[in-house]
Amino acid sequence: DTTEKLIPEINSLITSLRKKGKDWNDVYKNGRTHLMDATPVTLGQEFEGYAEILKERLEDLDSSLVNVNKLAIGGTAVGTGINAPVSFGTEVIEEINKTFGTSFVKVENHFSRQGSRDEIVNFSSVLKTLSVSLIKISNDIRWMGSGPISGLSELKLTALQPGSSIMPGKVNPVIPEMMIQVAAQVIGNDAAVTFAGTQGNFELNTMLPVMAHNVLESIEILTTGINTLNKKCIEILEVDSDKLFEYVQKNPILVTALVPELGYDIATEISKEAMESGKTIKEIVLSKELMSEEDFDKIIDISKLV
């Protein structure tokens, strides 16, 4: 399920995020740190970043599968292989691979695998980390789609339901919220797998069924959740580029670029006045005759600040 279903869905989501990144490469917006306005970025840079995060998770999955693919078949009761032909494990694994098109191999040391299932714990932790990444992406989209009046209202989320249960026409971020709930379940499943992994006493871990149940559920719901997030959210996301650029123009943090010319103290005064008056940095600088409009436009060129 991981190689045939989950990984392809992650790749599809990465492709969609990269497409949005390319399409929105010149859509300027305010960066944010501590949830507060910071220096500008492009929406494309953010979505390319999301794609790269998931690419790293794919690399983590590939790495964790190396040990998951090592089977302890043939070790029998305690790892010694008693009552089984010497070639039993190898022959069974070859038959499994032939039947299912898998790439399992025989574990080098049965004692390392029958009393410990750390490879499953590690694999589950990768699914957990993938979930953490998906929560970050989904939450960012929820924030950027918040509004439409009192929120950020930078992204336009597609309406997928007829308003809320009481407020007609209200568009809720139901798909990102679905993804966050899926991720929460995976994080919970990982906790169960982690505890089960601690119960490898001597030559056997008796909690493998618990580990298998939780890992398989995590794979299944992540596969479905990622597909839904991609098809019903990312692929059809729209942006209000005019509003984004308007926000950038009003951002008092743009004054950061003027520090080399005006000094930190003067730049701080300009920023405070901009926040208190609602005027733009440009309006204040020109009104105080601190520099010419031409010089200001050369320095505060948004395309050079990202």
C-alpha atoms as a PDB file:
ATOM      1  CA  ASP A   1       0.000   0.000   0.000  1.00  0.00           C
ATOM      2  CA  THR A   2       2.860   2.394   0.685  1.00  0.00           C
ATOM      3  CA  THR A   3       4.634   2.000  -2.641  1.00  0.00           C
ATOM      4  CA  GLU A   4       1.554   1.426  -4.805  1.00  0.00           C
ATOM      5  CA  LYS A   5      -0.880   3.896  -3.239  1.00  0.00           C
ATOM      6  CA  LEU A   6       0.528   6.312  -0.646  1.00  0.00           C
ATOM      7  CA  ILE A   7       3.730   7.333  -2.426  1.00  0.00           C
ATOM      8  CA  PRO A   8       1.972   7.990  -5.775  1.00  0.00           C
ATOM      9  CA  GLU A   9      -0.549  10.238  -3.986  1.00  0.00           C
ATOM     10  CA  ILE A  10       2.246  12.182  -2.312  1.00  0.00           C
ATOM     11  CA  ASN A  11       3.936  12.586  -5.702  1.00  0.00           C
ATOM     12  CA  SER A  12       0.684  13.862  -7.219  1.00  0.00           C
ATOM     13  CA  LEU A  13       0.310  16.393  -4.415  1.00  0.00           C
ATOM     14  CA  ILE A  14       3.907  17.532  -4.907  1.00  0.00           C
ATOM     15  CA  THR A  15       3.224  18.014  -8.631  1.00  0.00           C
ATOM     16  CA  SER A  16       0.161  20.166  -7.866  1.00  0.00           C
ATOM     17  CA  LEU A  17       2.043  22.246  -5.312  1.00  0.00           C
ATOM     18  CA  ARG A  18       4.924  22.820  -7.745  1.00  0.00           C
ATOM     19  CA  LYS A  19       2.460  23.880 -10.454  1.00  0.00           C
ATOM     20  CA  LYS A  20       0.916  26.421  -8.102  1.00  0.00           C
ATOM     21  CA  GLY A  21       4.420  27.531  -7.153  1.00  0.00           C
ATOM     22  CA  LYS A  22       5.265  28.151 -10.795  1.00  0.00           C
ATOM     23  CA  ASP A  23       1.939  29.851 -11.565  1.00  0.00           C
ATOM     24  CA  TRP A  24       2.254  32.111  -8.529  1.00  0.00           C
ATOM     25  CA  ASN A  25       5.971  32.843  -8.799  1.00  0.00           C
ATOM     26  CA  ASP A  26       5.299  36.575  -9.309  1.00  0.00           C
ATOM     27  CA  VAL A  27       2.407  36.900  -6.856  1.00  0.00           C
ATOM     28  CA  TYR A  28       3.880  39.018  -4.060  1.00  0.00           C
ATOM     29  CA  LYS A  29       2.592  38.790  -0.507  1.00  0.00           C
ATOM     30  CA  ASN A  30       3.601  39.602   3.029  1.00  0.00           C
ATOM     31  CA  GLY A  31       5.764  37.027   4.737  1.00  0.00           C
ATOM     32  CA  ARG A  32       4.774  36.271   8.306  1.00  0.00           C
ATOM     33  CA  THR A  33       6.742  35.311  11.388  1.00  0.00           C
ATOM     34  CA  HIS A  34       5.111  34.922  14.822  1.00  0.00           C
ATOM     35  CA  LEU A  35       1.839  35.341  12.819  1.00  0.00           C
ATOM     36  CA  MET A  36       2.869  38.974  12.280  1.00  0.00           C
ATOM     37  CA  ASP A  37       3.696  40.746   9.018  1.00  0.00           C
ATOM     38  CA  ALA A  38       7.302  40.309   7.917  1.00  0.00           C
ATOM     39  CA  THR A  39       9.266  41.135   4.776  1.00  0.00           C
ATOM     40  CA  PRO A  40       7.713  40.081   1.437  1.00  0.00           C
ATOM     41  CA  VAL A  41       7.791  36.687  -0.216  1.00  0.00           C
ATOM     42  CA  THR A  42       5.937  35.299  -3.191  1.00  0.00           C
ATOM     43  CA  LEU A  43       3.058  32.878  -2.934  1.00  0.00           C
ATOM     44  CA  GLY A  44       5.010  30.732  -5.360  1.00  0.00           C
ATOM     45  CA  GLN A  45       7.951  30.523  -2.964  1.00  0.00           C
ATOM     46  CA  GLU A  46       5.642  29.312  -0.214  1.00  0.00           C
ATOM     47  CA  PHE A  47       4.068  26.593  -2.363  1.00  0.00           C
ATOM     48  CA  GLU A  48       7.440  25.479  -3.698  1.00  0.00           C
ATOM     49  CA  GLY A  49       8.461  25.195  -0.062  1.00  0.00           C
ATOM     50  CA  TYR A  50       5.467  22.975   0.665  1.00  0.00           C
ATOM     51  CA  ALA A  51       6.429  20.734  -2.260  1.00  0.00           C
ATOM     52  CA  GLU A  52      10.001  20.460  -0.984  1.00  0.00           C
ATOM     53  CA  ILE A  53       8.804  19.518   2.500  1.00  0.00           C
ATOM     54  CA  LEU A  54       6.839  16.604   1.051  1.00  0.00           C
ATOM     55  CA  LYS A  55       9.748  15.616  -1.179  1.00  0.00           C
ATOM     56  CA  GLU A  56      11.832  15.205   1.976  1.00  0.00           C
ATOM     57  CA  ARG A  57       9.100  13.047   3.497  1.00  0.00           C
ATOM     58  CA  LEU A  58       9.239  10.821   0.404  1.00  0.00           C
ATOM     59  CA  GLU A  59      12.956  10.394   0.955  1.00  0.00           C
ATOM     60  CA  ASP A  60      12.248   9.476   4.586  1.00  0.00           C
ATOM     61  CA  LEU A  61       9.703   6.869   3.471  1.00  0.00           C
ATOM     62  CA  ASP A  62      12.125   5.327   0.985  1.00  0.00           C
ATOM     63  CA  SER A  63      14.799   5.115   3.653  1.00  0.00           C
ATOM     64  CA  SER A  64      12.501   3.536   6.252  1.00  0.00           C
ATOM     65  CA  LEU A  65      11.229   0.929   3.785  1.00  0.00           C
ATOM     66  CA  VAL A  66      14.723  -0.538   3.427  1.00  0.00           C
ATOM     67  CA  ASN A  67      14.442  -2.233   6.804  1.00  0.00           C
ATOM     68  CA  VAL A  68      10.689  -2.855   6.584  1.00  0.00           C
ATOM     69  CA  ASN A  69      11.394  -4.995   3.503  1.00  0.00           C
ATOM     70  CA  LYS A  70      13.595  -7.367   5.515  1.00  0.00           C
ATOM     71  CA  LEU A  71      11.512 -10.367   6.603  1.00  0.00           C
ATOM     72  CA  ALA A  72      12.248 -12.804   9.400  1.00  0.00           C
ATOM     73  CA  ILE A  73      10.562 -15.773   7.729  1.00  0.00           C
ATOM     74  CA  GLY A  74      12.344 -19.021   8.547  1.00  0.00           C
ATOM     75  CA  GLY A  75      13.453 -18.109  12.049  1.00  0.00           C
ATOM     76  CA  THR A  76      10.551 -20.159  13.461  1.00  0.00           C
ATOM     77  CA  ALA A  77       9.960 -19.925  17.219  1.00  0.00           C
ATOM     78  CA  VAL A  78      12.941 -18.029  18.600  1.00  0.00           C
ATOM     79  CA  GLY A  79      15.126 -17.180  15.610  1.00  0.00           C
ATOM     80  CA  THR A  80      17.210 -20.333  15.424  1.00  0.00           C
ATOM     81  CA  GLY A  81      15.219 -21.768  12.513  1.00  0.00           C
ATOM     82  CA  ILE A  82      14.504 -25.021  14.335  1.00  0.00           C
ATOM     83  CA  ASN A  83      12.329 -27.504  12.390  1.00  0.00           C
ATOM     84  CA  ALA A  84      12.573 -25.473   9.156  1.00  0.00           C
ATOM     85  CA  PRO A  85      14.727 -26.292   6.107  1.00  0.00           C
ATOM     86  CA  VAL A  86      17.743 -24.002   5.711  1.00  0.00           C
ATOM     87  CA  SER A  87      16.366 -22.486   2.501  1.00  0.00           C
ATOM     88  CA  PHE A  88      12.798 -22.124   3.762  1.00  0.00           C
ATOM     89  CA  GLY A  89      12.862 -18.355   4.384  1.00  0.00           C
ATOM     90  CA  THR A  90      14.577 -17.548   1.102  1.00  0.00           C
ATOM     91  CA  GLU A  91      12.218 -19.698  -0.943  1.00  0.00           C
ATOM     92  CA  VAL A  92       9.067 -18.286   0.716  1.00  0.00           C
ATOM     93  CA  ILE A  93      10.240 -14.707   0.153  1.00  0.00           C
ATOM     94  CA  GLU A  94      10.999 -15.464  -3.490  1.00  0.00           C
ATOM     95  CA  GLU A  95       7.474 -16.838  -3.916  1.00  0.00           C
ATOM     96  CA  ILE A  96       5.938 -13.784  -2.227  1.00  0.00           C
ATOM     97  CA  ASN A  97       7.891 -11.442  -4.482  1.00  0.00           C
ATOM     98  CA  LYS A  98       6.918 -13.418  -7.569  1.00  0.00           C
ATOM     99  CA  THR A  99       3.221 -13.409  -6.614  1.00  0.00           C
ATOM    100  CA  PHE A 100       2.848  -9.813  -5.469  1.00  0.00           C
ATOM    101  CA  GLY A 101       5.639  -8.041  -7.333  1.00  0.00           C
ATOM    102  CA  THR A 102       7.275  -6.984  -4.068  1.00  0.00           C
ATOM    103  CA  SER A 103      10.963  -6.649  -3.214  1.00  0.00           C
ATOM    104  CA  PHE A 104      11.262  -8.334   0.182  1.00  0.00           C
ATOM    105  CA  VAL A 105      14.578  -9.803   1.292  1.00  0.00           C
ATOM    106  CA  LYS A 106      15.590 -12.134   4.091  1.00  0.00           C
ATOM    107  CA  VAL A 107      16.774 -10.413   7.258  1.00  0.00           C
ATOM    108  CA  GLU A 108      20.476 -10.920   8.015  1.00  0.00           C
ATOM    109  CA  ASN A 109      19.929 -11.832  11.667  1.00  0.00           C
ATOM    110  CA  HIS A 110      16.663 -13.328  12.893  1.00  0.00           C
ATOM    111  CA  PHE A 111      17.380 -12.440  16.504  1.00  0.00           C
ATOM    112  CA  SER A 112      17.458  -8.751  15.609  1.00  0.00           C
ATOM    113  CA  ARG A 113      13.995  -8.933  14.086  1.00  0.00           C
ATOM    114  CA  GLN A 114      11.841 -11.380  16.049  1.00  0.00           C
ATOM    115  CA  GLY A 115      12.396  -9.834  19.458  1.00  0.00           C
ATOM    116  CA  SER A 116      12.390  -6.268  18.139  1.00  0.00           C
ATOM    117  CA  ARG A 117      10.201  -4.518  15.574  1.00  0.00           C
ATOM    118  CA  ASP A 118      12.013  -1.209  15.605  1.00  0.00           C
ATOM    119  CA  GLU A 119      11.770  -1.012  11.818  1.00  0.00           C
ATOM    120  CA  ILE A 120       7.985  -0.670  12.179  1.00  0.00           C
ATOM    121  CA  VAL A 121       8.384   1.947  14.897  1.00  0.00           C
ATOM    122  CA  ASN A 122      10.679   3.915  12.601  1.00  0.00           C
ATOM    123  CA  PHE A 123       8.311   3.570   9.644  1.00  0.00           C
ATOM    124  CA  SER A 124       5.387   4.741  11.767  1.00  0.00           C
ATOM    125  CA  SER A 125       7.406   7.739  12.941  1.00  0.00           C
ATOM    126  CA  VAL A 126       7.944   8.710   9.288  1.00  0.00           C
ATOM    127  CA  LEU A 127       4.174   8.588   8.735  1.00  0.00           C
ATOM    128  CA  LYS A 128       3.817  10.781  11.818  1.00  0.00           C
ATOM    129  CA  THR A 129       6.334  13.287  10.458  1.00  0.00           C
ATOM    130  CA  LEU A 130       4.510  13.290   7.127  1.00  0.00           C
ATOM    131  CA  SER A 131       1.356  14.116   9.084  1.00  0.00           C
ATOM    132  CA  VAL A 132       3.088  16.999  10.840  1.00  0.00           C
ATOM    133  CA  SER A 133       4.124  18.358   7.422  1.00  0.00           C
ATOM    134  CA  LEU A 134       0.559  18.055   6.113  1.00  0.00           C
ATOM    135  CA  ILE A 135      -0.809  19.864   9.172  1.00  0.00           C
ATOM    136  CA  LYS A 136       1.583  22.775   8.538  1.00  0.00           C
ATOM    137  CA  ILE A 137       0.526  23.026   4.885  1.00  0.00           C
ATOM    138  CA  SER A 138      -3.184  22.670   5.669  1.00  0.00           C
ATOM    139  CA  ASN A 139      -3.076  25.229   8.466  1.00  0.00           C
ATOM    140  CA  ASP A 140      -1.284  27.763   6.255  1.00  0.00           C
ATOM    141  CA  ILE A 141      -4.000  27.342   3.639  1.00  0.00           C
ATOM    142  CA  ARG A 142      -6.704  27.759   6.287  1.00  0.00           C
ATOM    143  CA  TRP A 143      -5.095  30.962   7.507  1.00  0.00           C
ATOM    144  CA  MET A 144      -4.612  32.375   4.005  1.00  0.00           C
ATOM    145  CA  GLY A 145      -8.210  31.503   3.121  1.00  0.00           C
ATOM    146  CA  SER A 146      -9.682  32.996   6.287  1.00  0.00           C
ATOM    147  CA  GLY A 147     -12.239  35.756   5.982  1.00  0.00           C
ATOM    148  CA  PRO A 148     -13.709  36.925   3.739  1.00  0.00           C
ATOM    149  CA  ILE A 149     -14.020  40.212   5.634  1.00  0.00           C
ATOM    150  CA  SER A 150     -12.122  39.938   8.899  1.00  0.00           C
ATOM    151  CA  GLY A 151      -9.526  37.357   7.908  1.00  0.00           C
ATOM    152  CA  LEU A 152      -6.549  37.322   5.541  1.00  0.00           C
ATOM    153  CA  SER A 153      -8.651  36.379   2.509  1.00  0.00           C
ATOM    154  CA  GLU A 154      -5.589  35.824   0.327  1.00  0.00           C
ATOM    155  CA  LEU A 155      -6.589  32.451  -1.095  1.00  0.00           C
ATOM    156  CA  LYS A 156     -10.022  31.644  -2.479  1.00  0.00           C
ATOM    157  CA  LEU A 157     -11.164  28.259  -1.185  1.00  0.00           C
ATOM    158  CA  THR A 158     -13.765  26.501  -3.301  1.00  0.00           C
ATOM    159  CA  ALA A 159     -17.182  26.166  -1.654  1.00  0.00           C
ATOM    160  CA  LEU A 160     -17.829  22.434  -1.253  1.00  0.00           C
ATOM    161  CA  GLN A 161     -20.928  22.586   0.919  1.00  0.00           C
ATOM    162  CA  PRO A 162     -23.984  24.881   1.140  1.00  0.00           C
ATOM    163  CA  GLY A 163     -22.798  27.089   3.986  1.00  0.00           C
ATOM    164  CA  SER A 164     -22.506  26.056   7.608  1.00  0.00           C
ATOM    165  CA  SER A 165     -25.326  24.438   9.574  1.00  0.00           C
ATOM    166  CA  ILE A 166     -26.637  27.862  10.625  1.00  0.00           C
ATOM    167  CA  MET A 167     -24.923  30.524   8.472  1.00  0.00           C
ATOM    168  CA  PRO A 168     -25.994  30.466   4.790  1.00  0.00           C
ATOM    169  CA  GLY A 169     -23.220  30.906   2.235  1.00  0.00           C
ATOM    170  CA  LYS A 170     -20.400  30.473   4.742  1.00  0.00           C
ATOM    171  CA  VAL A 171     -17.384  28.776   3.132  1.00  0.00           C
ATOM    172  CA  ASN A 172     -15.473  26.661   5.622  1.00  0.00           C
ATOM    173  CA  PRO A 173     -12.007  25.160   4.945  1.00  0.00           C
ATOM    174  CA  VAL A 174     -13.407  21.647   5.269  1.00  0.00           C
ATOM    175  CA  ILE A 175     -10.743  19.885   3.191  1.00  0.00           C
ATOM    176  CA  PRO A 176      -7.703  21.289   5.060  1.00  0.00           C
ATOM    177  CA  GLU A 177      -9.577  20.554   8.294  1.00  0.00           C
ATOM    178  CA  MET A 178     -10.169  16.981   7.120  1.00  0.00           C
ATOM    179  CA  MET A 179      -6.450  16.599   6.430  1.00  0.00           C
ATOM    180  CA  ILE A 180      -5.577  17.905   9.890  1.00  0.00           C
ATOM    181  CA  GLN A 181      -7.950  15.408  11.507  1.00  0.00           C
ATOM    182  CA  VAL A 182      -6.451  12.550   9.496  1.00  0.00           C
ATOM    183  CA  ALA A 183      -2.990  13.663  10.580  1.00  0.00           C
ATOM    184  CA  ALA A 184      -4.126  13.798  14.208  1.00  0.00           C
ATOM    185  CA  GLN A 185      -5.266  10.181  13.978  1.00  0.00           C
ATOM    186  CA  VAL A 186      -1.935   9.126  12.457  1.00  0.00           C
ATOM    187  CA  ILE A 187      -0.063  10.849  15.282  1.00  0.00           C
ATOM    188  CA  GLY A 188      -2.234   8.914  17.752  1.00  0.00           C
ATOM    189  CA  ASN A 189      -1.610   5.665  15.878  1.00  0.00           C
ATOM    190  CA  ASP A 190       2.122   6.304  16.080  1.00  0.00           C
ATOM    191  CA  ALA A 191       1.898   6.602  19.853  1.00  0.00           C
ATOM    192  CA  ALA A 192       0.313   3.144  19.984  1.00  0.00           C
ATOM    193  CA  VAL A 193       2.965   1.724  17.648  1.00  0.00           C
ATOM    194  CA  THR A 194       5.741   3.279  19.700  1.00  0.00           C
ATOM    195  CA  PHE A 195       4.448   1.699  22.908  1.00  0.00           C
ATOM    196  CA  ALA A 196       3.953  -1.651  21.169  1.00  0.00           C
ATOM    197  CA  GLY A 197       7.545  -1.456  20.002  1.00  0.00           C
ATOM    198  CA  THR A 198       8.742  -1.355  23.607  1.00  0.00           C
ATOM    199  CA  GLN A 199       7.233  -4.796  24.300  1.00  0.00           C
ATOM    200  CA  GLY A 200       9.893  -6.869  22.563  1.00  0.00           C
ATOM    201  CA  ASN A 201      10.753  -9.207  25.410  1.00  0.00           C
ATOM    202  CA  PHE A 202      13.672 -11.547  24.716  1.00  0.00           C
ATOM    203  CA  GLU A 203      12.938 -13.431  21.460  1.00  0.00           C
ATOM    204  CA  LEU A 204       9.427 -12.188  20.639  1.00  0.00           C
ATOM    205  CA  ASN A 205       7.349  -9.032  20.456  1.00  0.00           C
ATOM    206  CA  THR A 206       3.765 -10.117  21.071  1.00  0.00           C
ATOM    207  CA  MET A 207       2.242  -6.776  20.049  1.00  0.00           C
ATOM    208  CA  LEU A 208       2.903  -6.995  16.330  1.00  0.00           C
ATOM    209  CA  PRO A 209      -0.865  -7.160  15.578  1.00  0.00           C
ATOM    210  CA  VAL A 210      -1.357  -3.770  17.272  1.00  0.00           C
ATOM    211  CA  MET A 211       1.538  -2.331  15.308  1.00  0.00           C
ATOM    212  CA  ALA A 212       0.253  -3.740  12.032  1.00  0.00           C
ATOM    213  CA  HIS A 213      -3.301  -2.500  12.614  1.00  0.00           C
ATOM    214  CA  ASN A 214      -2.241   1.054  13.389  1.00  0.00           C
ATOM    215  CA  VAL A 215       0.362   1.341  10.618  1.00  0.00           C
ATOM    216  CA  LEU A 216      -2.011  -0.046   7.989  1.00  0.00           C
ATOM    217  CA  GLU A 217      -4.743   2.338   9.108  1.00  0.00           C
ATOM    218  CA  SER A 218      -2.314   5.259   8.955  1.00  0.00           C
ATOM    219  CA  ILE A 219      -1.287   4.350   5.405  1.00  0.00           C
ATOM    220  CA  GLU A 220      -4.907   3.998   4.302  1.00  0.00           C
ATOM    221  CA  ILE A 221      -6.243   7.254   5.741  1.00  0.00           C
ATOM    222  CA  LEU A 222      -3.182   9.237   4.649  1.00  0.00           C
ATOM    223  CA  THR A 223      -3.587   7.934   1.099  1.00  0.00           C
ATOM    224  CA  THR A 224      -7.263   8.917   0.971  1.00  0.00           C
ATOM    225  CA  GLY A 225      -6.705  12.208   2.793  1.00  0.00           C
ATOM    226  CA  ILE A 226      -3.848  13.347   0.558  1.00  0.00           C
ATOM    227  CA  ASN A 227      -5.831  12.472  -2.580  1.00  0.00           C
ATOM    228  CA  THR A 228      -8.801  14.500  -1.325  1.00  0.00           C
ATOM    229  CA  LEU A 229      -6.616  17.440  -0.275  1.00  0.00           C
ATOM    230  CA  ASN A 230      -5.038  17.504  -3.711  1.00  0.00           C
ATOM    231  CA  LYS A 231      -8.176  17.082  -5.838  1.00  0.00           C
ATOM    232  CA  LYS A 232     -10.632  19.132  -3.810  1.00  0.00           C
ATOM    233  CA  CYS A 233      -8.350  21.882  -2.527  1.00  0.00           C
ATOM    234  CA  ILE A 234      -4.863  22.369  -3.967  1.00  0.00           C
ATOM    235  CA  GLU A 235      -5.666  21.814  -7.641  1.00  0.00           C
ATOM    236  CA  ILE A 236      -8.602  24.256  -7.564  1.00  0.00           C
ATOM    237  CA  LEU A 237      -7.145  26.915  -5.266  1.00  0.00           C
ATOM    238  CA  GLU A 238      -7.397  30.492  -6.516  1.00  0.00           C
ATOM    239  CA  VAL A 239      -5.644  33.622  -5.332  1.00  0.00           C
ATOM    240  CA  ASP A 240      -6.627  37.270  -4.935  1.00  0.00           C
ATOM    241  CA  SER A 241      -3.349  38.707  -6.275  1.00  0.00           C
ATOM    242  CA  ASP A 242      -4.579  42.320  -6.164  1.00  0.00           C
ATOM    243  CA  LYS A 243      -5.419  42.058  -2.474  1.00  0.00           C
ATOM    244  CA  LEU A 244      -2.078  40.420  -1.761  1.00  0.00           C
ATOM    245  CA  PHE A 245      -0.155  43.215  -3.460  1.00  0.00           C
ATOM    246  CA  GLU A 246      -2.262  45.809  -1.658  1.00  0.00           C
ATOM    247  CA  TYR A 247      -1.317  44.192   1.636  1.00  0.00           C
ATOM    248  CA  VAL A 248       2.363  44.306   0.637  1.00  0.00           C
ATOM    249  CA  GLN A 249       2.180  48.006  -0.179  1.00  0.00           C
ATOM    250  CA  LYS A 250       0.678  48.734   3.245  1.00  0.00           C
ATOM    251  CA  ASN A 251       3.152  46.580   5.131  1.00  0.00           C
ATOM    252  CA  PRO A 252       5.159  48.816   7.512  1.00  0.00           C
ATOM    253  CA  ILE A 253       7.896  46.175   7.662  1.00  0.00           C
ATOM    254  CA  LEU A 254       8.966  47.281   4.183  1.00  0.00           C
ATOM    255  CA  VAL A 255      10.848  49.973   6.030  1.00  0.00           C
ATOM    256  CA  THR A 256      13.483  47.303   6.740  1.00  0.00           C
ATOM    257  CA  ALA A 257      14.871  47.885   3.250  1.00  0.00           C
ATOM    258  CA  LEU A 258      15.394  51.583   4.084  1.00  0.00           C
ATOM    259  CA  VAL A 259      17.585  50.969   7.133  1.00  0.00           C
ATOM    260  CA  PRO A 260      20.890  51.147   5.183  1.00  0.00           C
ATOM    261  CA  GLU A 261      19.831  54.575   3.835  1.00  0.00           C
ATOM    262  CA  LEU A 262      17.975  56.151   6.761  1.00  0.00           C
ATOM    263  CA  GLY A 263      19.260  54.265   9.796  1.00  0.00           C
ATOM    264  CA  TYR A 264      17.429  51.994  12.213  1.00  0.00           C
ATOM    265  CA  ASP A 265      15.997  54.711  14.485  1.00  0.00           C
ATOM    266  CA  ILE A 266      14.413  56.764  11.695  1.00  0.00           C
ATOM    267  CA  ALA A 267      13.117  53.586  10.043  1.00  0.00           C
ATOM    268  CA  THR A 268      11.490  52.601  13.348  1.00  0.00           C
ATOM    269  CA  GLU A 269       9.743  55.994  13.598  1.00  0.00           C
ATOM    270  CA  ILE A 270       8.443  55.630  10.038  1.00  0.00           C
ATOM    271  CA  SER A 271       7.142  52.129  10.756  1.00  0.00           C
ATOM    272  CA  LYS A 272       5.317  53.253  13.913  1.00  0.00           C
ATOM    273  CA  GLU A 273       3.747  56.203  12.094  1.00  0.00           C
ATOM    274  CA  ALA A 274       2.628  53.934   9.264  1.00  0.00           C
ATOM    275  CA  MET A 275       0.925  51.543  11.699  1.00  0.00           C
ATOM    276  CA  GLU A 276      -0.762  54.374  13.595  1.00  0.00           C
ATOM    277  CA  SER A 277      -1.864  56.430  10.595  1.00  0.00           C
ATOM    278  CA  GLY A 278      -2.657  53.738   8.058  1.00  0.00           C
ATOM    279  CA  LYS A 279      -0.448  55.506   5.528  1.00  0.00           C
ATOM    280  CA  THR A 280       2.038  53.649   3.388  1.00  0.00           C
ATOM    281  CA  ILE A 281       5.787  53.814   3.982  1.00  0.00           C
ATOM    282  CA  LYS A 282       6.155  55.650   0.711  1.00  0.00           C
ATOM    283  CA  GLU A 283       3.647  58.344   1.655  1.00  0.00           C
ATOM    284  CA  ILE A 284       5.436  59.025   4.939  1.00  0.00           C
ATOM    285  CA  VAL A 285       8.947  59.049   3.469  1.00  0.00           C
ATOM    286  CA  LEU A 286       7.955  61.443   0.696  1.00  0.00           C
ATOM    287  CA  SER A 287       5.991  63.719   3.046  1.00  0.00           C
ATOM    288  CA  LYS A 288       9.051  64.034   5.278  1.00  0.00           C
ATOM    289  CA  GLU A 289      11.264  64.567   2.217  1.00  0.00           C
ATOM    290  CA  LEU A 290      13.645  61.878   3.436  1.00  0.00           C
ATOM    291  CA  MET A 291      14.398  60.792  -0.138  1.00  0.00           C
ATOM    292  CA  SER A 292      13.116  61.286  -3.661  1.00  0.00           C
ATOM    293  CA  GLU A 293      10.350  59.157  -5.114  1.00  0.00           C
ATOM    294  CA  GLU A 294      12.799  57.783  -7.672  1.00  0.00           C
ATOM    295  CA  ASP A 295      15.260  56.681  -4.988  1.00  0.00           C
ATOM    296  CA  PHE A 296      12.465  55.188  -2.899  1.00  0.00           C
ATOM    297  CA  ASP A 297      11.132  53.143  -5.821  1.00  0.00           C
ATOM    298  CA  LYS A 298      14.626  51.813  -6.531  1.00  0.00           C
ATOM    299  CA  ILE A 299      15.019  50.596  -2.960  1.00  0.00           C
ATOM    300  CA  ILE A 300      11.450  49.409  -2.352  1.00  0.00           C
ATOM    301  CA  ASP A 301      11.239  47.311  -5.485  1.00  0.00           C
ATOM    302  CA  ILE A 302       9.224  44.329  -4.270  1.00  0.00           C
ATOM    303  CA  SER A 303      10.684  42.032  -6.921  1.00  0.00           C
ATOM    304  CA  LYS A 304      14.153  42.665  -5.453  1.00  0.00           C
ATOM    305  CA  LEU A 305      13.084  42.079  -1.869  1.00  0.00           C
ATOM    306  CA  VAL A 306      12.002  38.454  -2.239  1.00  0.00           C
END
